[in-house]
Amino acid sequence: MSETTQSPAMSRDELVKLLDTLLEAERAGAKVLAVFMNDHEPRSAVWLKLQQVQRDEARNCSILMRVIRGLGAPPSKATGDFVAKALAVQGNAQRLAFLNRGQGWVARAIRDALPRIAEEDVRVALQEMHASHLANIAACEELLKTIAE
C-alpha cells in the first residue's frame, strides 16, 4: 500500500521565483567560471573544460530568461551571492570543488522542482539544464583529479 502523493503543481508566481533563483545562480556560476579560467593557461585542457562549463552556465541563463519572459514576467537582473563566496576560496582544487557543490545545489533544486512543474516547455528546458549540470559535475570531478593545489 505504498501510494505516493503528488505535490500540487507550482503556481506561476512560485515557478517564476524558482526560475529567478536558478537564473541568479547560473549567472553567478558563469561569472565565477570566467574568473577561474584566468587561473589556468589559456587553451590548456583545464581551461578548455572550464570554458565549456562556463558556456553551459551562460546558455542556461539565456534559456531561463526566455522561459521567464514566456511566463509573462521580467527576469531577475541580480547575481547570486555565490560569486563572492566562490572567489573567497583559495586554491584551484578547492575552488573547483566549491563550484561543483554549487552545481550540485542547482541540479538538486531542479530535480526536486520537476514533478511540480505543469508547463511542458518549462519542464523540458529544466530537464535539459539538469542533465547539463550532471554532465558538468562529472567533468569537474575528472578535472579535480588533475588540478594541482
N, C-alpha and C. Protein backbone atom coordinates (compact mmCIF):
# COMPACT_ATOMS: atom_id res chain seq x y z
N MET A 1 0.82 -1.18 0.00
CA MET A 1 0.00 0.00 0.00
C MET A 1 0.87 1.25 0.00
N SER A 2 1.83 1.28 -0.84
CA SER A 2 2.76 2.41 -0.89
C SER A 2 2.34 3.40 -1.97
N GLU A 3 1.25 4.08 -1.71
CA GLU A 3 0.75 5.07 -2.65
C GLU A 3 1.46 6.39 -2.41
N THR A 4 2.00 6.96 -3.46
CA THR A 4 2.70 8.24 -3.32
C THR A 4 1.74 9.37 -3.63
N THR A 5 1.86 10.43 -2.89
CA THR A 5 1.02 11.58 -3.14
C THR A 5 1.78 12.57 -4.00
N GLN A 6 1.11 13.05 -5.01
CA GLN A 6 1.71 14.02 -5.92
C GLN A 6 1.56 15.41 -5.32
N SER A 7 2.63 16.14 -5.27
CA SER A 7 2.55 17.53 -4.82
C SER A 7 1.81 18.34 -5.87
N PRO A 8 1.10 19.35 -5.42
CA PRO A 8 0.38 20.18 -6.40
C PRO A 8 1.37 20.93 -7.30
N ALA A 9 0.90 21.24 -8.48
CA ALA A 9 1.73 22.00 -9.42
C ALA A 9 2.05 23.37 -8.83
N MET A 10 3.22 23.87 -9.17
CA MET A 10 3.62 25.20 -8.72
C MET A 10 2.71 26.25 -9.33
N SER A 11 2.43 27.27 -8.56
CA SER A 11 1.72 28.42 -9.11
C SER A 11 2.69 29.16 -10.04
N ARG A 12 2.16 30.02 -10.86
CA ARG A 12 3.01 30.83 -11.74
C ARG A 12 4.01 31.62 -10.93
N ASP A 13 3.57 32.22 -9.82
CA ASP A 13 4.47 33.03 -9.00
C ASP A 13 5.58 32.18 -8.38
N GLU A 14 5.23 30.97 -7.90
CA GLU A 14 6.24 30.06 -7.35
C GLU A 14 7.26 29.68 -8.42
N LEU A 15 6.75 29.40 -9.60
CA LEU A 15 7.62 28.98 -10.70
C LEU A 15 8.56 30.11 -11.10
N VAL A 16 8.04 31.31 -11.23
CA VAL A 16 8.88 32.44 -11.59
C VAL A 16 9.95 32.66 -10.52
N LYS A 17 9.56 32.54 -9.26
CA LYS A 17 10.53 32.71 -8.17
C LYS A 17 11.64 31.66 -8.27
N LEU A 18 11.27 30.42 -8.51
CA LEU A 18 12.27 29.36 -8.68
C LEU A 18 13.18 29.67 -9.86
N LEU A 19 12.58 30.03 -10.99
CA LEU A 19 13.37 30.29 -12.19
C LEU A 19 14.30 31.48 -11.99
N ASP A 20 13.85 32.52 -11.29
CA ASP A 20 14.72 33.66 -10.99
C ASP A 20 15.87 33.24 -10.08
N THR A 21 15.59 32.40 -9.10
CA THR A 21 16.65 31.90 -8.21
C THR A 21 17.68 31.11 -9.01
N LEU A 22 17.20 30.26 -9.90
CA LEU A 22 18.12 29.50 -10.75
C LEU A 22 18.90 30.42 -11.67
N LEU A 23 18.24 31.42 -12.23
CA LEU A 23 18.92 32.39 -13.10
C LEU A 23 20.04 33.10 -12.35
N GLU A 24 19.76 33.54 -11.14
CA GLU A 24 20.77 34.23 -10.34
C GLU A 24 21.95 33.29 -10.04
N ALA A 25 21.66 32.02 -9.78
CA ALA A 25 22.71 31.04 -9.52
C ALA A 25 23.53 30.76 -10.78
N GLU A 26 22.85 30.62 -11.91
CA GLU A 26 23.55 30.38 -13.17
C GLU A 26 24.43 31.57 -13.56
N ARG A 27 23.91 32.75 -13.36
CA ARG A 27 24.67 33.97 -13.65
C ARG A 27 25.93 34.01 -12.77
N ALA A 28 25.77 33.67 -11.50
CA ALA A 28 26.91 33.64 -10.58
C ALA A 28 27.92 32.58 -11.03
N GLY A 29 27.43 31.42 -11.41
CA GLY A 29 28.33 30.36 -11.87
C GLY A 29 29.11 30.77 -13.11
N ALA A 30 28.45 31.42 -14.05
CA ALA A 30 29.13 31.88 -15.27
C ALA A 30 30.23 32.88 -14.93
N LYS A 31 29.93 33.80 -14.02
CA LYS A 31 30.93 34.81 -13.64
C LYS A 31 32.10 34.17 -12.91
N VAL A 32 31.81 33.25 -12.01
CA VAL A 32 32.87 32.58 -11.26
C VAL A 32 33.77 31.79 -12.20
N LEU A 33 33.17 31.08 -13.12
CA LEU A 33 33.98 30.29 -14.07
C LEU A 33 34.85 31.17 -14.93
N ALA A 34 34.36 32.33 -15.33
CA ALA A 34 35.18 33.24 -16.13
C ALA A 34 36.42 33.66 -15.35
N VAL A 35 36.27 33.89 -14.05
CA VAL A 35 37.42 34.24 -13.22
C VAL A 35 38.33 33.03 -13.02
N PHE A 36 37.74 31.87 -12.75
CA PHE A 36 38.54 30.66 -12.54
C PHE A 36 39.39 30.32 -13.77
N MET A 37 38.86 30.60 -14.94
CA MET A 37 39.61 30.31 -16.16
C MET A 37 40.92 31.08 -16.19
N ASN A 38 40.95 32.27 -15.59
CA ASN A 38 42.17 33.08 -15.56
C ASN A 38 43.28 32.45 -14.74
N ASP A 39 42.94 31.46 -13.92
CA ASP A 39 43.95 30.78 -13.11
C ASP A 39 44.66 29.67 -13.87
N HIS A 40 44.31 29.49 -15.13
CA HIS A 40 44.88 28.40 -15.93
C HIS A 40 45.38 28.94 -17.26
N GLU A 41 46.32 28.25 -17.80
CA GLU A 41 46.91 28.62 -19.09
C GLU A 41 45.83 28.59 -20.17
N PRO A 42 45.67 29.72 -20.89
CA PRO A 42 44.66 29.72 -21.96
C PRO A 42 44.89 28.58 -22.94
N ARG A 43 43.77 27.97 -23.32
CA ARG A 43 43.73 26.85 -24.27
C ARG A 43 44.27 25.54 -23.70
N SER A 44 44.66 25.52 -22.41
CA SER A 44 45.07 24.26 -21.80
C SER A 44 43.84 23.37 -21.63
N ALA A 45 44.04 22.09 -21.34
CA ALA A 45 42.92 21.16 -21.19
C ALA A 45 41.97 21.62 -20.08
N VAL A 46 42.52 22.08 -18.97
CA VAL A 46 41.69 22.54 -17.85
C VAL A 46 40.92 23.79 -18.28
N TRP A 47 41.59 24.73 -18.88
CA TRP A 47 40.96 25.98 -19.33
C TRP A 47 39.81 25.68 -20.30
N LEU A 48 40.05 24.78 -21.26
CA LEU A 48 39.03 24.45 -22.25
C LEU A 48 37.81 23.80 -21.59
N LYS A 49 38.03 22.94 -20.61
CA LYS A 49 36.91 22.29 -19.92
C LYS A 49 36.13 23.33 -19.11
N LEU A 50 36.84 24.21 -18.42
CA LEU A 50 36.17 25.27 -17.66
C LEU A 50 35.38 26.18 -18.60
N GLN A 51 35.95 26.45 -19.77
CA GLN A 51 35.25 27.28 -20.75
C GLN A 51 33.95 26.60 -21.20
N GLN A 52 34.00 25.31 -21.39
CA GLN A 52 32.80 24.57 -21.80
C GLN A 52 31.72 24.67 -20.72
N VAL A 53 32.11 24.48 -19.46
CA VAL A 53 31.16 24.57 -18.35
C VAL A 53 30.63 26.00 -18.25
N GLN A 54 31.51 26.98 -18.42
CA GLN A 54 31.10 28.38 -18.35
C GLN A 54 30.09 28.70 -19.46
N ARG A 55 30.31 28.18 -20.63
CA ARG A 55 29.37 28.40 -21.74
C ARG A 55 28.01 27.77 -21.44
N ASP A 56 28.03 26.59 -20.79
CA ASP A 56 26.77 25.97 -20.39
C ASP A 56 26.02 26.86 -19.41
N GLU A 57 26.74 27.44 -18.46
CA GLU A 57 26.11 28.33 -17.48
C GLU A 57 25.50 29.54 -18.19
N ALA A 58 26.24 30.12 -19.11
CA ALA A 58 25.74 31.28 -19.84
C ALA A 58 24.53 30.90 -20.70
N ARG A 59 24.59 29.74 -21.34
CA ARG A 59 23.45 29.28 -22.15
C ARG A 59 22.23 29.05 -21.25
N ASN A 60 22.46 28.51 -20.06
CA ASN A 60 21.34 28.30 -19.13
C ASN A 60 20.72 29.63 -18.72
N CYS A 61 21.53 30.66 -18.58
CA CYS A 61 20.99 32.00 -18.28
C CYS A 61 20.04 32.43 -19.38
N SER A 62 20.46 32.26 -20.61
CA SER A 62 19.62 32.65 -21.76
C SER A 62 18.32 31.85 -21.78
N ILE A 63 18.42 30.56 -21.53
CA ILE A 63 17.22 29.72 -21.52
C ILE A 63 16.27 30.17 -20.42
N LEU A 64 16.80 30.41 -19.24
CA LEU A 64 15.96 30.82 -18.12
C LEU A 64 15.29 32.17 -18.38
N MET A 65 16.04 33.10 -18.95
CA MET A 65 15.44 34.40 -19.26
C MET A 65 14.30 34.24 -20.27
N ARG A 66 14.50 33.41 -21.27
CA ARG A 66 13.45 33.17 -22.28
C ARG A 66 12.22 32.54 -21.63
N VAL A 67 12.44 31.56 -20.77
CA VAL A 67 11.32 30.86 -20.12
C VAL A 67 10.57 31.81 -19.19
N ILE A 68 11.29 32.61 -18.43
CA ILE A 68 10.65 33.56 -17.52
C ILE A 68 9.81 34.57 -18.30
N ARG A 69 10.39 35.08 -19.38
CA ARG A 69 9.62 36.02 -20.22
C ARG A 69 8.39 35.35 -20.81
N GLY A 70 8.54 34.06 -21.15
CA GLY A 70 7.41 33.31 -21.68
C GLY A 70 6.28 33.16 -20.67
N LEU A 71 6.61 33.26 -19.40
CA LEU A 71 5.60 33.22 -18.35
C LEU A 71 5.03 34.60 -18.05
N GLY A 72 5.49 35.60 -18.82
CA GLY A 72 4.98 36.96 -18.67
C GLY A 72 5.60 37.74 -17.54
N ALA A 73 6.81 37.35 -17.13
CA ALA A 73 7.48 38.04 -16.03
C ALA A 73 8.83 38.56 -16.50
N PRO A 74 9.31 39.63 -15.88
CA PRO A 74 10.65 40.11 -16.21
C PRO A 74 11.69 39.27 -15.45
N PRO A 75 12.75 38.84 -16.12
CA PRO A 75 13.78 38.06 -15.43
C PRO A 75 14.54 38.92 -14.41
N SER A 76 14.96 38.28 -13.35
CA SER A 76 15.78 38.95 -12.35
C SER A 76 17.06 39.46 -13.00
N LYS A 77 17.54 40.59 -12.53
CA LYS A 77 18.82 41.12 -13.01
C LYS A 77 19.93 40.86 -11.98
N ALA A 78 19.57 40.24 -10.86
CA ALA A 78 20.52 40.01 -9.77
C ALA A 78 21.45 38.85 -10.09
N THR A 79 22.55 38.84 -9.38
CA THR A 79 23.51 37.74 -9.43
C THR A 79 23.58 37.15 -8.03
N GLY A 80 23.56 35.83 -7.94
CA GLY A 80 23.59 35.16 -6.65
C GLY A 80 24.86 35.47 -5.87
N ASP A 81 24.76 35.34 -4.55
CA ASP A 81 25.91 35.63 -3.67
C ASP A 81 26.99 34.57 -3.76
N PHE A 82 26.79 33.58 -4.60
CA PHE A 82 27.78 32.53 -4.81
C PHE A 82 29.10 33.10 -5.32
N VAL A 83 29.04 34.20 -6.08
CA VAL A 83 30.26 34.78 -6.66
C VAL A 83 31.25 35.12 -5.55
N ALA A 84 30.82 35.91 -4.59
CA ALA A 84 31.73 36.34 -3.51
C ALA A 84 32.23 35.15 -2.72
N LYS A 85 31.34 34.21 -2.44
CA LYS A 85 31.74 33.03 -1.67
C LYS A 85 32.78 32.21 -2.43
N ALA A 86 32.54 31.98 -3.71
CA ALA A 86 33.46 31.16 -4.51
C ALA A 86 34.81 31.84 -4.69
N LEU A 87 34.80 33.15 -4.91
CA LEU A 87 36.07 33.85 -5.13
C LEU A 87 36.88 33.96 -3.85
N ALA A 88 36.25 33.78 -2.71
CA ALA A 88 36.97 33.82 -1.44
C ALA A 88 37.71 32.51 -1.17
N VAL A 89 37.36 31.45 -1.88
CA VAL A 89 38.00 30.15 -1.68
C VAL A 89 39.40 30.20 -2.31
N GLN A 90 40.38 29.74 -1.55
CA GLN A 90 41.76 29.74 -2.02
C GLN A 90 42.14 28.36 -2.56
N GLY A 91 42.93 28.35 -3.63
CA GLY A 91 43.41 27.11 -4.22
C GLY A 91 42.52 26.64 -5.36
N ASN A 92 43.13 26.28 -6.46
CA ASN A 92 42.38 25.88 -7.65
C ASN A 92 41.48 24.67 -7.40
N ALA A 93 42.00 23.65 -6.74
CA ALA A 93 41.20 22.46 -6.49
C ALA A 93 40.04 22.77 -5.55
N GLN A 94 40.31 23.55 -4.52
CA GLN A 94 39.26 23.90 -3.56
C GLN A 94 38.17 24.75 -4.23
N ARG A 95 38.61 25.66 -5.10
CA ARG A 95 37.63 26.49 -5.82
C ARG A 95 36.75 25.64 -6.72
N LEU A 96 37.37 24.71 -7.43
CA LEU A 96 36.60 23.86 -8.33
C LEU A 96 35.65 22.96 -7.54
N ALA A 97 36.10 22.44 -6.41
CA ALA A 97 35.23 21.62 -5.57
C ALA A 97 34.05 22.45 -5.06
N PHE A 98 34.31 23.70 -4.69
CA PHE A 98 33.24 24.59 -4.23
C PHE A 98 32.25 24.85 -5.37
N LEU A 99 32.78 25.11 -6.56
CA LEU A 99 31.93 25.30 -7.73
C LEU A 99 31.05 24.08 -7.95
N ASN A 100 31.63 22.92 -7.82
CA ASN A 100 30.87 21.69 -8.05
C ASN A 100 29.76 21.52 -7.02
N ARG A 101 30.00 21.95 -5.79
CA ARG A 101 28.93 21.90 -4.79
C ARG A 101 27.79 22.83 -5.21
N GLY A 102 28.14 23.98 -5.76
CA GLY A 102 27.11 24.89 -6.28
C GLY A 102 26.34 24.27 -7.44
N GLN A 103 27.06 23.60 -8.33
CA GLN A 103 26.41 22.91 -9.45
C GLN A 103 25.46 21.84 -8.91
N GLY A 104 25.90 21.16 -7.87
CA GLY A 104 25.06 20.13 -7.26
C GLY A 104 23.80 20.72 -6.65
N TRP A 105 23.93 21.89 -6.03
CA TRP A 105 22.76 22.54 -5.45
C TRP A 105 21.73 22.85 -6.54
N VAL A 106 22.20 23.39 -7.66
CA VAL A 106 21.29 23.71 -8.76
C VAL A 106 20.64 22.44 -9.30
N ALA A 107 21.43 21.39 -9.48
CA ALA A 107 20.89 20.13 -10.00
C ALA A 107 19.81 19.58 -9.07
N ARG A 108 20.04 19.63 -7.76
CA ARG A 108 19.04 19.14 -6.81
C ARG A 108 17.79 20.02 -6.81
N ALA A 109 17.98 21.33 -6.90
CA ALA A 109 16.83 22.24 -6.93
C ALA A 109 15.96 21.94 -8.15
N ILE A 110 16.58 21.72 -9.28
CA ILE A 110 15.83 21.39 -10.49
C ILE A 110 15.13 20.04 -10.33
N ARG A 111 15.89 19.04 -9.91
CA ARG A 111 15.33 17.69 -9.74
C ARG A 111 14.11 17.71 -8.83
N ASP A 112 14.23 18.42 -7.71
CA ASP A 112 13.13 18.46 -6.74
C ASP A 112 11.92 19.22 -7.27
N ALA A 113 12.13 20.19 -8.14
CA ALA A 113 11.03 21.00 -8.66
C ALA A 113 10.31 20.34 -9.83
N LEU A 114 11.00 19.53 -10.59
CA LEU A 114 10.41 18.99 -11.83
C LEU A 114 9.03 18.36 -11.67
N PRO A 115 8.80 17.56 -10.64
CA PRO A 115 7.46 16.95 -10.53
C PRO A 115 6.32 17.96 -10.32
N ARG A 116 6.65 19.16 -9.92
CA ARG A 116 5.62 20.18 -9.64
C ARG A 116 5.46 21.18 -10.79
N ILE A 117 6.16 20.97 -11.89
CA ILE A 117 6.09 21.92 -13.00
C ILE A 117 5.12 21.38 -14.05
N ALA A 118 4.01 22.08 -14.20
CA ALA A 118 2.96 21.65 -15.13
C ALA A 118 3.26 22.07 -16.57
N GLU A 119 3.96 23.19 -16.74
CA GLU A 119 4.22 23.72 -18.07
C GLU A 119 5.26 22.85 -18.77
N GLU A 120 4.83 22.22 -19.85
CA GLU A 120 5.69 21.27 -20.57
C GLU A 120 6.99 21.90 -21.05
N ASP A 121 6.92 23.09 -21.66
CA ASP A 121 8.13 23.71 -22.19
C ASP A 121 9.12 24.06 -21.09
N VAL A 122 8.61 24.47 -19.94
CA VAL A 122 9.48 24.80 -18.81
C VAL A 122 10.12 23.52 -18.28
N ARG A 123 9.32 22.46 -18.16
CA ARG A 123 9.84 21.19 -17.64
C ARG A 123 10.93 20.64 -18.57
N VAL A 124 10.71 20.70 -19.87
CA VAL A 124 11.70 20.20 -20.83
C VAL A 124 13.00 21.02 -20.72
N ALA A 125 12.87 22.34 -20.65
CA ALA A 125 14.06 23.19 -20.52
C ALA A 125 14.84 22.86 -19.25
N LEU A 126 14.12 22.66 -18.15
CA LEU A 126 14.79 22.35 -16.89
C LEU A 126 15.38 20.94 -16.87
N GLN A 127 14.73 20.00 -17.55
CA GLN A 127 15.30 18.65 -17.66
C GLN A 127 16.63 18.70 -18.40
N GLU A 128 16.70 19.50 -19.45
CA GLU A 128 17.95 19.65 -20.21
C GLU A 128 19.02 20.33 -19.35
N MET A 129 18.62 21.34 -18.59
CA MET A 129 19.56 22.01 -17.69
C MET A 129 20.06 21.04 -16.62
N HIS A 130 19.17 20.22 -16.10
CA HIS A 130 19.56 19.23 -15.09
C HIS A 130 20.60 18.28 -15.66
N ALA A 131 20.34 17.78 -16.85
CA ALA A 131 21.28 16.86 -17.49
C ALA A 131 22.63 17.54 -17.72
N SER A 132 22.63 18.81 -18.14
CA SER A 132 23.90 19.50 -18.38
C SER A 132 24.66 19.70 -17.06
N HIS A 133 23.93 19.95 -15.98
CA HIS A 133 24.60 20.10 -14.69
C HIS A 133 25.24 18.79 -14.25
N LEU A 134 24.52 17.69 -14.43
CA LEU A 134 25.10 16.39 -14.05
C LEU A 134 26.35 16.10 -14.88
N ALA A 135 26.30 16.40 -16.16
CA ALA A 135 27.47 16.18 -17.02
C ALA A 135 28.63 17.09 -16.60
N ASN A 136 28.33 18.34 -16.27
CA ASN A 136 29.39 19.27 -15.86
C ASN A 136 29.97 18.91 -14.50
N ILE A 137 29.14 18.40 -13.61
CA ILE A 137 29.65 17.94 -12.31
C ILE A 137 30.64 16.80 -12.54
N ALA A 138 30.27 15.86 -13.39
CA ALA A 138 31.16 14.74 -13.69
C ALA A 138 32.46 15.23 -14.34
N ALA A 139 32.35 16.17 -15.25
CA ALA A 139 33.54 16.71 -15.92
C ALA A 139 34.46 17.40 -14.91
N CYS A 140 33.87 18.16 -14.00
CA CYS A 140 34.68 18.86 -13.00
C CYS A 140 35.29 17.88 -12.01
N GLU A 141 34.59 16.79 -11.71
CA GLU A 141 35.17 15.75 -10.84
C GLU A 141 36.42 15.17 -11.50
N GLU A 142 36.35 14.97 -12.81
CA GLU A 142 37.53 14.47 -13.54
C GLU A 142 38.65 15.51 -13.50
N LEU A 143 38.32 16.76 -13.68
CA LEU A 143 39.32 17.83 -13.62
C LEU A 143 39.99 17.89 -12.25
N LEU A 144 39.21 17.67 -11.22
CA LEU A 144 39.76 17.73 -9.86
C LEU A 144 40.88 16.72 -9.67
N LYS A 145 40.85 15.64 -10.42
CA LYS A 145 41.90 14.62 -10.32
C LYS A 145 43.22 15.11 -10.92
N THR A 146 43.16 16.16 -11.75
CA THR A 146 44.35 16.62 -12.46
C THR A 146 44.87 17.98 -11.99
N ILE A 147 44.06 18.71 -11.23
CA ILE A 147 44.44 20.06 -10.84
C ILE A 147 45.35 20.04 -9.62
N ALA A 148 46.44 20.76 -9.75
CA ALA A 148 47.36 20.89 -8.62
C ALA A 148 46.85 21.99 -7.70
N GLU A 149 47.17 21.85 -6.46
CA GLU A 149 46.79 22.86 -5.47
C GLU A 149 47.49 24.10 -5.85
